[in-house]
Protein backbone atom coordinates (compact mmCIF):
# COMPACT_ATOMS: atom_id res chain seq x y z
CA UNK A 1 25.45 87.38 104.17
CA UNK A 2 24.87 91.05 103.72
CA UNK A 3 25.36 93.99 106.15
CA UNK A 4 22.86 96.79 106.68
CA UNK A 5 24.24 98.70 103.64
CA UNK A 6 23.64 95.68 101.29
CA UNK A 7 27.35 94.84 101.03
CA UNK A 8 28.46 91.34 101.31
CA UNK A 9 30.33 90.15 104.43
CA UNK A 10 31.89 86.85 105.76
CA UNK A 11 30.97 87.16 109.55
CA UNK A 12 29.53 83.61 109.58
CA UNK A 13 32.70 81.59 108.41
CA UNK A 14 34.37 79.13 110.62
CA UNK A 15 37.73 80.81 110.69
CA UNK A 16 38.39 82.21 114.10
CA UNK A 17 40.39 85.29 113.40
CA UNK A 18 41.23 86.71 109.98
CA UNK A 19 43.42 89.81 109.36
CA UNK A 20 41.18 92.48 107.81
CA UNK A 21 42.32 95.15 105.31
CA UNK A 22 41.55 97.92 107.72
CA UNK A 23 44.64 99.57 109.32
CA UNK A 24 44.23 102.06 112.11
CA UNK A 25 47.17 103.98 113.59
CA UNK A 26 49.56 101.53 111.84
CA UNK A 27 48.15 98.65 113.67
CA UNK A 28 46.46 95.79 112.01
CA UNK A 29 42.86 94.96 113.12
CA UNK A 30 41.22 91.60 112.42
CA UNK A 31 37.62 90.74 112.14
CA UNK A 32 36.68 88.00 114.49
CA UNK A 33 34.54 85.65 112.51
CA UNK A 34 34.18 82.60 114.73
CA UNK A 35 30.99 82.66 116.90
CA UNK A 36 32.64 80.90 119.82
CA UNK A 37 35.52 83.32 119.67
CA UNK A 38 33.08 86.27 119.68
CA UNK A 39 31.28 84.83 122.71
CA UNK A 40 34.58 84.28 124.50
CA UNK A 41 35.55 87.91 123.91
CA UNK A 42 32.31 89.33 125.08
CA UNK A 43 32.36 86.95 128.12
CA UNK A 44 35.94 88.13 129.03
CA UNK A 45 35.03 91.75 128.72
CA UNK A 46 31.95 91.18 130.89
CA UNK A 47 33.90 89.66 133.78
CA UNK A 48 36.03 91.94 135.85
CA UNK A 49 38.60 89.29 136.82
CA UNK A 50 39.06 88.16 133.31
CA UNK A 51 39.75 91.64 132.35
CA UNK A 52 42.32 92.09 135.03
CA UNK A 53 44.08 88.96 133.84
CA UNK A 54 44.20 90.23 130.19
CA UNK A 55 45.24 93.66 131.34
CA UNK A 56 48.03 92.12 133.57
CA UNK A 57 49.48 90.01 130.63
CA UNK A 58 49.16 92.46 127.81
CA UNK A 59 52.62 93.96 127.79
CA UNK A 60 54.68 91.35 129.83
CA UNK A 61 54.51 87.61 130.28
CA UNK A 62 53.58 86.70 133.82
CA UNK A 63 53.39 83.59 135.92
CA UNK A 64 50.14 82.69 137.77
CA UNK A 65 51.77 83.88 140.96
CA UNK A 66 52.52 87.34 139.33
CA UNK A 67 49.06 87.56 137.97
CA UNK A 68 47.57 86.78 141.39
CA UNK A 69 49.66 89.42 143.05
CA UNK A 70 49.04 92.00 140.40
CA UNK A 71 45.31 91.43 140.14
CA UNK A 72 44.54 90.39 143.73
CA UNK A 73 42.30 87.59 142.36
CA UNK A 74 41.87 84.62 144.72
CA UNK A 75 44.13 81.63 143.83
CA UNK A 76 41.32 79.25 142.79
CA UNK A 77 39.49 81.80 140.73
CA UNK A 78 42.71 82.82 139.02
CA UNK A 79 43.77 79.27 138.07
CA UNK A 80 40.20 78.57 136.76
CA UNK A 81 40.02 81.77 134.73
CA UNK A 82 43.56 81.48 133.30
CA UNK A 83 42.51 77.88 132.17
CA UNK A 84 39.39 79.23 130.56
CA UNK A 85 41.29 81.99 128.92
CA UNK A 86 43.78 79.52 127.55
CA UNK A 87 41.02 77.15 126.30
CA UNK A 88 39.41 80.02 124.48
CA UNK A 89 42.75 80.96 123.03
CA UNK A 90 42.77 84.55 124.41
CA UNK A 91 45.86 83.79 126.51
CA UNK A 92 48.91 81.73 125.45
CA UNK A 93 51.93 80.26 127.26
CA UNK A 94 54.53 82.79 126.07
CA UNK A 95 57.54 80.99 127.67
CA UNK A 96 58.42 78.55 130.35
CA UNK A 97 60.96 79.46 132.98
CA UNK A 98 62.96 76.95 135.00
CA UNK A 99 63.70 78.10 138.54
CA UNK A 100 66.95 77.63 140.39
CA UNK A 101 65.48 74.55 142.15
CA UNK A 102 64.40 72.96 138.74
CA UNK A 103 60.74 73.82 138.88
CA UNK A 104 58.97 74.90 135.70
CA UNK A 105 56.91 77.98 135.55
CA UNK A 106 54.64 78.98 132.64
CA UNK A 107 54.51 82.61 131.70
CA UNK A 108 51.33 83.87 129.99
CA UNK A 109 50.55 86.67 127.51
CA UNK A 110 47.43 87.91 125.91
CA UNK A 111 46.99 87.28 122.08
CA UNK A 112 44.85 90.26 121.48
CA UNK A 113 45.49 93.79 122.53
CA UNK A 114 42.33 95.72 121.98
CA UNK A 115 38.73 95.26 120.71
CA UNK A 116 36.11 97.29 118.82
CA UNK A 117 32.61 95.87 119.15
CA UNK A 118 29.70 96.98 117.05
CA UNK A 119 26.21 95.43 117.00
CA UNK A 120 24.00 95.71 113.99
CA UNK A 121 20.75 93.94 113.61
CA UNK A 122 21.31 90.25 114.66
CA UNK A 123 25.02 90.54 114.13
CA UNK A 124 27.90 91.26 116.43
CA UNK A 125 30.97 92.59 114.65
CA UNK A 126 34.24 92.44 116.65
CA UNK A 127 37.51 93.98 115.45
CA UNK A 128 40.53 92.95 117.31
CA UNK A 129 44.10 94.23 117.35
CA UNK A 130 46.73 91.49 117.60
CA UNK A 131 49.35 91.58 120.25
CA UNK A 132 52.25 91.53 117.85
CA UNK A 133 54.87 90.62 120.45
CA UNK A 134 53.10 87.51 121.28
CA UNK A 135 52.29 86.62 117.75
CA UNK A 136 56.00 87.19 116.73
CA UNK A 137 57.28 84.93 119.45
CA UNK A 138 54.79 82.14 118.59
CA UNK A 139 55.73 82.39 114.87
CA UNK A 140 59.47 82.30 115.73
CA UNK A 141 59.00 79.34 117.91
CA UNK A 142 57.02 77.49 115.22
CA UNK A 143 59.57 78.13 112.56
CA UNK A 144 62.46 77.21 114.85
CA UNK A 145 61.13 73.67 115.03
CA UNK A 146 62.26 73.04 111.52
CA UNK A 147 65.88 73.52 112.40
């Protein structure tokens, strides 16, 4: 594929997110290449309640109850939308807390922190900034499984 300037690009590959060489304000941006991921990001940004959930979980991991209190989204909608964000990999279970009475509570966190969206003839280009706190924890958890 070629962009509007005649330069080759890889926006049609199957890989969901790939770190790009572009660095802004010492933060790494990735080019989102997977079409399903692009549609998910655009859908999330087009839905006020999904935006509220992403905003609420950007800097701190939160339970569904905390998300509902912070966003004032109705319970049923919150559970459905959190499920959708998990399915689309825009939200992850950051950790699981066990309460004093033995109940488990999942805490959620966003995977991506910010987006830049550009549309060029028949092509949506999305740059996404990784939420490094979340990615670091996921990586640490993955590598700790070897121990």
